[in-house]
PDB file of N, CA and C in Angstrom:
ATOM      1  N   UNK A   1       0.843  -1.169   0.000  1.00  0.00           N
ATOM      2  CA  UNK A   1       0.000   0.000   0.000  1.00  0.00           C
ATOM      3  C   UNK A   1       0.886   1.230   0.000  1.00  0.00           C
ATOM      4  N   UNK A   2       0.904   1.907  -1.092  1.00  0.00           N
ATOM      5  CA  UNK A   2       1.733   3.089  -1.268  1.00  0.00           C
ATOM      6  C   UNK A   2       0.902   4.330  -0.992  1.00  0.00           C
ATOM      7  N   UNK A   3       1.134   4.931   0.177  1.00  0.00           N
ATOM      8  CA  UNK A   3       0.470   6.168   0.574  1.00  0.00           C
ATOM      9  C   UNK A   3      -1.058   6.054   0.539  1.00  0.00           C
ATOM     10  N   UNK A   4      -1.562   4.933   0.994  1.00  0.00           N
ATOM     11  CA  UNK A   4      -3.009   4.728   1.112  1.00  0.00           C
ATOM     12  C   UNK A   4      -3.399   4.944   2.571  1.00  0.00           C
ATOM     13  N   UNK A   5      -4.489   5.628   2.794  1.00  0.00           N
ATOM     14  CA  UNK A   5      -4.879   5.989   4.154  1.00  0.00           C
ATOM     15  C   UNK A   5      -6.233   5.398   4.536  1.00  0.00           C
ATOM     16  N   UNK A   6      -6.323   4.999   5.815  1.00  0.00           N
ATOM     17  CA  UNK A   6      -7.551   4.529   6.442  1.00  0.00           C
ATOM     18  C   UNK A   6      -8.178   3.356   5.666  1.00  0.00           C
ATOM     19  N   UNK A   7      -7.392   2.296   5.587  1.00  0.00           N
ATOM     20  CA  UNK A   7      -7.820   1.062   4.926  1.00  0.00           C
ATOM     21  C   UNK A   7      -7.814  -0.057   5.954  1.00  0.00           C
ATOM     22  N   UNK A   8      -8.843  -0.907   5.907  1.00  0.00           N
ATOM     23  CA  UNK A   8      -8.892  -2.094   6.761  1.00  0.00           C
ATOM     24  C   UNK A   8      -8.939  -3.322   5.860  1.00  0.00           C
ATOM     25  N   UNK A   9      -8.038  -4.270   6.129  1.00  0.00           N
ATOM     26  CA  UNK A   9      -8.052  -5.575   5.463  1.00  0.00           C
ATOM     27  C   UNK A   9      -8.410  -6.581   6.535  1.00  0.00           C
ATOM     28  N   UNK A  10      -9.561  -7.235   6.385  1.00  0.00           N
ATOM     29  CA  UNK A  10     -10.048  -8.115   7.439  1.00  0.00           C
ATOM     30  C   UNK A  10     -10.697  -9.367   6.848  1.00  0.00           C
ATOM     31  N   UNK A  11     -10.291 -10.531   7.409  1.00  0.00           N
ATOM     32  CA  UNK A  11     -10.954 -11.791   7.109  1.00  0.00           C
ATOM     33  C   UNK A  11     -10.570 -12.446   5.791  1.00  0.00           C
ATOM     34  N   UNK A  12      -9.402 -12.138   5.261  1.00  0.00           N
ATOM     35  CA  UNK A  12      -8.981 -12.699   3.980  1.00  0.00           C
ATOM     36  C   UNK A  12      -7.910 -13.775   4.159  1.00  0.00           C
ATOM     37  N   UNK A  13      -7.764 -14.604   3.146  1.00  0.00           N
ATOM     38  CA  UNK A  13      -6.592 -15.467   3.020  1.00  0.00           C
ATOM     39  C   UNK A  13      -5.678 -14.771   2.018  1.00  0.00           C
ATOM     40  N   UNK A  14      -4.453 -14.477   2.455  1.00  0.00           N
ATOM     41  CA  UNK A  14      -3.506 -13.733   1.627  1.00  0.00           C
ATOM     42  C   UNK A  14      -2.266 -14.592   1.440  1.00  0.00           C
ATOM     43  N   UNK A  15      -1.956 -14.899   0.182  1.00  0.00           N
ATOM     44  CA  UNK A  15      -0.842 -15.793  -0.121  1.00  0.00           C
ATOM     45  C   UNK A  15      -0.194 -15.412  -1.445  1.00  0.00           C
ATOM     46  N   UNK A  16       1.033 -15.828  -1.627  1.00  0.00           N
ATOM     47  CA  UNK A  16       1.707 -15.672  -2.914  1.00  0.00           C
ATOM     48  C   UNK A  16       1.829 -17.021  -3.604  1.00  0.00           C
ATOM     49  N   UNK A  17       1.342 -18.055  -2.981  1.00  0.00           N
ATOM     50  CA  UNK A  17       1.437 -19.402  -3.530  1.00  0.00           C
ATOM     51  C   UNK A  17       0.707 -19.480  -4.869  1.00  0.00           C
ATOM     52  N   UNK A  18       1.345 -20.117  -5.850  1.00  0.00           N
ATOM     53  CA  UNK A  18       0.733 -20.308  -7.151  1.00  0.00           C
ATOM     54  C   UNK A  18       1.038 -19.218  -8.161  1.00  0.00           C
ATOM     55  N   UNK A  19       1.713 -18.161  -7.753  1.00  0.00           N
ATOM     56  CA  UNK A  19       2.080 -17.105  -8.681  1.00  0.00           C
ATOM     57  C   UNK A  19       3.483 -17.359  -9.227  1.00  0.00           C
ATOM     58  N   UNK A  20       3.759 -16.983 -10.463  1.00  0.00           N
ATOM     59  CA  UNK A  20       5.126 -17.123 -10.983  1.00  0.00           C
ATOM     60  C   UNK A  20       6.090 -16.265 -10.172  1.00  0.00           C
ATOM     61  N   UNK A  21       7.277 -16.764  -9.940  1.00  0.00           N
ATOM     62  CA  UNK A  21       8.258 -16.082  -9.095  1.00  0.00           C
ATOM     63  C   UNK A  21       8.502 -14.635  -9.524  1.00  0.00           C
ATOM     64  N   UNK A  22       8.580 -14.369 -10.817  1.00  0.00           N
ATOM     65  CA  UNK A  22       8.862 -13.009 -11.291  1.00  0.00           C
ATOM     66  C   UNK A  22       7.693 -12.045 -11.053  1.00  0.00           C
ATOM     67  N   UNK A  23       6.519 -12.552 -10.763  1.00  0.00           N
ATOM     68  CA  UNK A  23       5.342 -11.713 -10.534  1.00  0.00           C
ATOM     69  C   UNK A  23       5.104 -11.416  -9.062  1.00  0.00           C
ATOM     70  N   UNK A  24       5.955 -11.934  -8.179  1.00  0.00           N
ATOM     71  CA  UNK A  24       5.721 -11.852  -6.738  1.00  0.00           C
ATOM     72  C   UNK A  24       6.558 -10.739  -6.121  1.00  0.00           C
ATOM     73  N   UNK A  25       5.920  -9.817  -5.362  1.00  0.00           N
ATOM     74  CA  UNK A  25       6.690  -8.794  -4.643  1.00  0.00           C
ATOM     75  C   UNK A  25       7.436  -9.409  -3.462  1.00  0.00           C
ATOM     76  N   UNK A  26       8.238  -8.598  -2.765  1.00  0.00           N
ATOM     77  CA  UNK A  26       9.054  -9.147  -1.673  1.00  0.00           C
ATOM     78  C   UNK A  26       8.285  -9.387  -0.386  1.00  0.00           C
ATOM     79  N   UNK A  27       7.004  -9.076  -0.343  1.00  0.00           N
ATOM     80  CA  UNK A  27       6.183  -9.388   0.830  1.00  0.00           C
ATOM     81  C   UNK A  27       4.713  -9.499   0.419  1.00  0.00           C
ATOM     82  N   UNK A  28       3.947 -10.268   1.199  1.00  0.00           N
ATOM     83  CA  UNK A  28       2.513 -10.397   0.917  1.00  0.00           C
ATOM     84  C   UNK A  28       1.814  -9.047   1.083  1.00  0.00           C
ATOM     85  N   UNK A  29       2.147  -8.344   2.165  1.00  0.00           N
ATOM     86  CA  UNK A  29       1.572  -7.019   2.420  1.00  0.00           C
ATOM     87  C   UNK A  29       2.725  -6.059   2.679  1.00  0.00           C
ATOM     88  N   UNK A  30       2.834  -5.029   1.875  1.00  0.00           N
ATOM     89  CA  UNK A  30       3.872  -4.011   2.009  1.00  0.00           C
ATOM     90  C   UNK A  30       3.180  -2.673   2.245  1.00  0.00           C
ATOM     91  N   UNK A  31       3.520  -2.027   3.362  1.00  0.00           N
ATOM     92  CA  UNK A  31       2.875  -0.769   3.738  1.00  0.00           C
ATOM     93  C   UNK A  31       3.949   0.303   3.843  1.00  0.00           C
ATOM     94  N   UNK A  32       3.768   1.410   3.131  1.00  0.00           N
ATOM     95  CA  UNK A  32       4.704   2.518   3.304  1.00  0.00           C
ATOM     96  C   UNK A  32       4.016   3.853   2.999  1.00  0.00           C
ATOM     97  N   UNK A  33       4.355   4.843   3.842  1.00  0.00           N
ATOM     98  CA  UNK A  33       3.808   6.176   3.697  1.00  0.00           C
ATOM     99  C   UNK A  33       2.310   6.255   3.907  1.00  0.00           C
ATOM    100  N   UNK A  34       1.765   5.362   4.710  1.00  0.00           N
ATOM    101  CA  UNK A  34       0.318   5.289   4.914  1.00  0.00           C
ATOM    102  C   UNK A  34      -0.059   5.656   6.348  1.00  0.00           C
ATOM    103  N   UNK A  35      -1.315   6.016   6.537  1.00  0.00           N
ATOM    104  CA  UNK A  35      -1.846   6.336   7.864  1.00  0.00           C
ATOM    105  C   UNK A  35      -3.142   5.567   8.079  1.00  0.00           C
ATOM    106  N   UNK A  36      -3.304   5.004   9.280  1.00  0.00           N
ATOM    107  CA  UNK A  36      -4.562   4.378   9.665  1.00  0.00           C
ATOM    108  C   UNK A  36      -4.849   3.044   8.992  1.00  0.00           C
ATOM    109  N   UNK A  37      -3.820   2.282   8.658  1.00  0.00           N
ATOM    110  CA  UNK A  37      -4.013   0.967   8.045  1.00  0.00           C
ATOM    111  C   UNK A  37      -4.257  -0.064   9.146  1.00  0.00           C
ATOM    112  N   UNK A  38      -5.266  -0.919   8.955  1.00  0.00           N
ATOM    113  CA  UNK A  38      -5.590  -1.969   9.919  1.00  0.00           C
ATOM    114  C   UNK A  38      -5.599  -3.315   9.202  1.00  0.00           C
ATOM    115  N   UNK A  39      -4.831  -4.262   9.730  1.00  0.00           N
ATOM    116  CA  UNK A  39      -4.752  -5.627   9.193  1.00  0.00           C
ATOM    117  C   UNK A  39      -5.286  -6.544  10.292  1.00  0.00           C
ATOM    118  N   UNK A  40      -6.538  -7.020  10.162  1.00  0.00           N
ATOM    119  CA  UNK A  40      -7.218  -7.763  11.216  1.00  0.00           C
ATOM    120  C   UNK A  40      -7.660  -9.147  10.741  1.00  0.00           C
ATOM    121  N   UNK A  41      -7.396 -10.153  11.564  1.00  0.00           N
ATOM    122  CA  UNK A  41      -8.012 -11.487  11.446  1.00  0.00           C
ATOM    123  C   UNK A  41      -7.878 -12.125  10.067  1.00  0.00           C
ATOM    124  N   UNK A  42      -6.700 -12.016   9.468  1.00  0.00           N
ATOM    125  CA  UNK A  42      -6.437 -12.636   8.175  1.00  0.00           C
ATOM    126  C   UNK A  42      -5.575 -13.880   8.363  1.00  0.00           C
ATOM    127  N   UNK A  43      -5.586 -14.744   7.374  1.00  0.00           N
ATOM    128  CA  UNK A  43      -4.654 -15.859   7.307  1.00  0.00           C
ATOM    129  C   UNK A  43      -3.652 -15.508   6.216  1.00  0.00           C
ATOM    130  N   UNK A  44      -2.409 -15.293   6.610  1.00  0.00           N
ATOM    131  CA  UNK A  44      -1.371 -14.823   5.690  1.00  0.00           C
ATOM    132  C   UNK A  44      -0.278 -15.887   5.659  1.00  0.00           C
ATOM    133  N   UNK A  45       0.011 -16.425   4.461  1.00  0.00           N
ATOM    134  CA  UNK A  45       0.968 -17.532   4.393  1.00  0.00           C
ATOM    135  C   UNK A  45       1.664 -17.597   3.037  1.00  0.00           C
ATOM    136  N   UNK A  46       2.717 -18.403   3.017  1.00  0.00           N
ATOM    137  CA  UNK A  46       3.515 -18.667   1.818  1.00  0.00           C
ATOM    138  C   UNK A  46       3.962 -17.382   1.124  1.00  0.00           C
ATOM    139  N   UNK A  47       4.591 -16.508   1.911  1.00  0.00           N
ATOM    140  CA  UNK A  47       5.191 -15.297   1.357  1.00  0.00           C
ATOM    141  C   UNK A  47       6.575 -15.612   0.824  1.00  0.00           C
ATOM    142  N   UNK A  48       6.887 -15.084  -0.320  1.00  0.00           N
ATOM    143  CA  UNK A  48       8.210 -15.265  -0.933  1.00  0.00           C
ATOM    144  C   UNK A  48       9.306 -14.848   0.037  1.00  0.00           C
ATOM    145  N   UNK A  49       9.077 -13.788   0.787  1.00  0.00           N
ATOM    146  CA  UNK A  49      10.042 -13.282   1.742  1.00  0.00           C
ATOM    147  C   UNK A  49       9.294 -12.978   3.035  1.00  0.00           C
ATOM    148  N   UNK A  50       8.970 -11.735   3.296  1.00  0.00           N
ATOM    149  CA  UNK A  50       8.213 -11.355   4.489  1.00  0.00           C
ATOM    150  C   UNK A  50       6.720 -11.494   4.233  1.00  0.00           C
ATOM    151  N   UNK A  51       5.959 -11.783   5.267  1.00  0.00           N
ATOM    152  CA  UNK A  51       4.504 -11.813   5.098  1.00  0.00           C
ATOM    153  C   UNK A  51       3.910 -10.414   5.239  1.00  0.00           C
ATOM    154  N   UNK A  52       4.393  -9.616   6.205  1.00  0.00           N
ATOM    155  CA  UNK A  52       3.957  -8.224   6.355  1.00  0.00           C
ATOM    156  C   UNK A  52       5.192  -7.365   6.576  1.00  0.00           C
ATOM    157  N   UNK A  53       5.291  -6.276   5.824  1.00  0.00           N
ATOM    158  CA  UNK A  53       6.445  -5.383   5.969  1.00  0.00           C
ATOM    159  C   UNK A  53       5.984  -3.933   6.010  1.00  0.00           C
ATOM    160  N   UNK A  54       6.435  -3.204   7.032  1.00  0.00           N
ATOM    161  CA  UNK A  54       6.260  -1.763   7.091  1.00  0.00           C
ATOM    162  C   UNK A  54       7.585  -1.159   6.653  1.00  0.00           C
ATOM    163  N   UNK A  55       7.586  -0.481   5.541  1.00  0.00           N
ATOM    164  CA  UNK A  55       8.816   0.003   4.923  1.00  0.00           C
ATOM    165  C   UNK A  55       9.398   1.172   5.707  1.00  0.00           C
ATOM    166  N   UNK A  56      10.682   1.098   6.039  1.00  0.00           N
ATOM    167  CA  UNK A  56      11.336   2.103   6.880  1.00  0.00           C
ATOM    168  C   UNK A  56      11.655   3.395   6.127  1.00  0.00           C
ATOM    169  N   UNK A  57      11.860   3.322   4.821  1.00  0.00           N
ATOM    170  CA  UNK A  57      12.274   4.518   4.090  1.00  0.00           C
ATOM    171  C   UNK A  57      11.152   5.555   3.959  1.00  0.00           C
ATOM    172  N   UNK A  58       9.913   5.107   4.066  1.00  0.00           N
ATOM    173  CA  UNK A  58       8.767   6.011   4.035  1.00  0.00           C
ATOM    174  C   UNK A  58       7.805   5.542   5.127  1.00  0.00           C
ATOM    175  N   UNK A  59       8.026   5.976   6.387  1.00  0.00           N
ATOM    176  CA  UNK A  59       7.290   5.449   7.535  1.00  0.00           C
ATOM    177  C   UNK A  59       5.779   5.654   7.448  1.00  0.00           C
ATOM    178  N   UNK A  60       5.067   4.750   8.092  1.00  0.00           N
ATOM    179  CA  UNK A  60       3.614   4.813   8.203  1.00  0.00           C
ATOM    180  C   UNK A  60       3.234   5.121   9.648  1.00  0.00           C
ATOM    181  N   UNK A  61       2.008   5.585   9.848  1.00  0.00           N
ATOM    182  CA  UNK A  61       1.533   5.942  11.183  1.00  0.00           C
ATOM    183  C   UNK A  61       0.204   5.254  11.458  1.00  0.00           C
ATOM    184  N   UNK A  62      -0.056   4.983  12.732  1.00  0.00           N
ATOM    185  CA  UNK A  62      -1.323   4.420  13.205  1.00  0.00           C
ATOM    186  C   UNK A  62      -1.672   3.109  12.491  1.00  0.00           C
ATOM    187  N   UNK A  63      -0.692   2.227  12.382  1.00  0.00           N
ATOM    188  CA  UNK A  63      -0.905   0.919  11.756  1.00  0.00           C
ATOM    189  C   UNK A  63      -1.225  -0.091  12.850  1.00  0.00           C
ATOM    190  N   UNK A  64      -2.295  -0.870  12.659  1.00  0.00           N
ATOM    191  CA  UNK A  64      -2.683  -1.912  13.611  1.00  0.00           C
ATOM    192  C   UNK A  64      -2.647  -3.256  12.889  1.00  0.00           C
ATOM    193  N   UNK A  65      -1.930  -4.209  13.489  1.00  0.00           N
ATOM    194  CA  UNK A  65      -1.854  -5.575  12.969  1.00  0.00           C
ATOM    195  C   UNK A  65      -2.312  -6.477  14.113  1.00  0.00           C
ATOM    196  N   UNK A  66      -3.533  -7.037  14.003  1.00  0.00           N
ATOM    197  CA  UNK A  66      -4.157  -7.716  15.133  1.00  0.00           C
ATOM    198  C   UNK A  66      -4.832  -9.016  14.688  1.00  0.00           C
ATOM    199  N   UNK A  67      -4.587 -10.097  15.426  1.00  0.00           N
ATOM    200  CA  UNK A  67      -5.351 -11.330  15.284  1.00  0.00           C
ATOM    201  C   UNK A  67      -5.127 -12.110  14.001  1.00  0.00           C
ATOM    202  N   UNK A  68      -4.013 -11.896  13.335  1.00  0.00           N
ATOM    203  CA  UNK A  68      -3.721 -12.605  12.096  1.00  0.00           C
ATOM    204  C   UNK A  68      -3.018 -13.924  12.381  1.00  0.00           C
ATOM    205  N   UNK A  69      -3.212 -14.901  11.515  1.00  0.00           N
ATOM    206  CA  UNK A  69      -2.459 -16.150  11.558  1.00  0.00           C
ATOM    207  C   UNK A  69      -1.438 -16.082  10.433  1.00  0.00           C
ATOM    208  N   UNK A  70      -0.154 -16.161  10.798  1.00  0.00           N
ATOM    209  CA  UNK A  70       0.921 -15.986   9.829  1.00  0.00           C
ATOM    210  C   UNK A  70       1.801 -17.230   9.833  1.00  0.00           C
ATOM    211  N   UNK A  71       2.050 -17.799   8.623  1.00  0.00           N
ATOM    212  CA  UNK A  71       2.882 -19.001   8.541  1.00  0.00           C
ATOM    213  C   UNK A  71       3.585 -19.085   7.190  1.00  0.00           C
ATOM    214  N   UNK A  72       4.643 -19.881   7.167  1.00  0.00           N
ATOM    215  CA  UNK A  72       5.427 -20.168   5.958  1.00  0.00           C
ATOM    216  C   UNK A  72       5.924 -18.906   5.259  1.00  0.00           C
ATOM    217  N   UNK A  73       6.418 -17.960   6.022  1.00  0.00           N
ATOM    218  CA  UNK A  73       7.018 -16.767   5.441  1.00  0.00           C
ATOM    219  C   UNK A  73       8.450 -17.087   5.039  1.00  0.00           C
ATOM    220  N   UNK A  74       8.862 -16.598   3.905  1.00  0.00           N
ATOM    221  CA  UNK A  74      10.211 -16.873   3.421  1.00  0.00           C
ATOM    222  C   UNK A  74      10.401 -18.307   3.004  1.00  0.00           C
ATOM    223  N   UNK A  75       9.337 -18.927   2.495  1.00  0.00           N
ATOM    224  CA  UNK A  75       9.403 -20.345   2.167  1.00  0.00           C
ATOM    225  C   UNK A  75      10.385 -20.659   1.050  1.00  0.00           C
ATOM    226  N   UNK A  76      10.782 -19.669   0.256  1.00  0.00           N
ATOM    227  CA  UNK A  76      11.789 -19.918  -0.783  1.00  0.00           C
ATOM    228  C   UNK A  76      13.157 -19.373  -0.404  1.00  0.00           C
ATOM    229  N   UNK A  77      13.253 -18.715   0.748  1.00  0.00           N
ATOM    230  CA  UNK A  77      14.525 -18.110   1.150  1.00  0.00           C
ATOM    231  C   UNK A  77      15.009 -18.662   2.491  1.00  0.00           C
ATOM    232  N   UNK A  78      14.678 -19.880   2.789  1.00  0.00           N
ATOM    233  CA  UNK A  78      15.097 -20.526   4.039  1.00  0.00           C
ATOM    234  C   UNK A  78      14.597 -19.812   5.282  1.00  0.00           C
ATOM    235  N   UNK A  79      13.417 -19.247   5.192  1.00  0.00           N
ATOM    236  CA  UNK A  79      12.782 -18.628   6.353  1.00  0.00           C
ATOM    237  C   UNK A  79      13.184 -17.187   6.581  1.00  0.00           C
ATOM    238  N   UNK A  80      12.277 -16.426   7.130  1.00  0.00           N
ATOM    239  CA  UNK A  80      12.499 -15.032   7.461  1.00  0.00           C
ATOM    240  C   UNK A  80      11.434 -14.615   8.478  1.00  0.00           C
ATOM    241  N   UNK A  81      11.365 -13.342   8.816  1.00  0.00           N
ATOM    242  CA  UNK A  81      10.387 -12.881   9.786  1.00  0.00           C
ATOM    243  C   UNK A  81       8.984 -12.903   9.186  1.00  0.00           C
ATOM    244  N   UNK A  82       8.008 -13.092  10.043  1.00  0.00           N
ATOM    245  CA  UNK A  82       6.622 -12.999   9.607  1.00  0.00           C
ATOM    246  C   UNK A  82       6.207 -11.549   9.412  1.00  0.00           C
ATOM    247  N   UNK A  83       6.636 -10.685  10.363  1.00  0.00           N
ATOM    248  CA  UNK A  83       6.305  -9.266  10.298  1.00  0.00           C
ATOM    249  C   UNK A  83       7.590  -8.475  10.527  1.00  0.00           C
ATOM    250  N   UNK A  84       7.872  -7.514   9.651  1.00  0.00           N
ATOM    251  CA  UNK A  84       9.044  -6.646   9.822  1.00  0.00           C
ATOM    252  C   UNK A  84       8.558  -5.210   9.963  1.00  0.00           C
ATOM    253  N   UNK A  85       8.890  -4.612  11.118  1.00  0.00           N
ATOM    254  CA  UNK A  85       8.478  -3.224  11.387  1.00  0.00           C
ATOM    255  C   UNK A  85       9.718  -2.368  11.477  1.00  0.00           C
TER     256      UNK A  85
END
């Protein structure tokens, strides 16, 4: 999410599984320069690298990540963090 404000993602299954490698970004959910983003009660799995990443070069504010089930992050890179803040 590039500079998107006041968005809620809730109750989804979010995965990169089944996509060609060249079409996959470095994380399932990438947030930067945003305000008021809420990630609630999702199942997030099989991320090429990170499952959720808050980008440091363009910080976000008021981000809530609550009640998600996160697994198999970095499944092609010998494992990595589920969430990087």
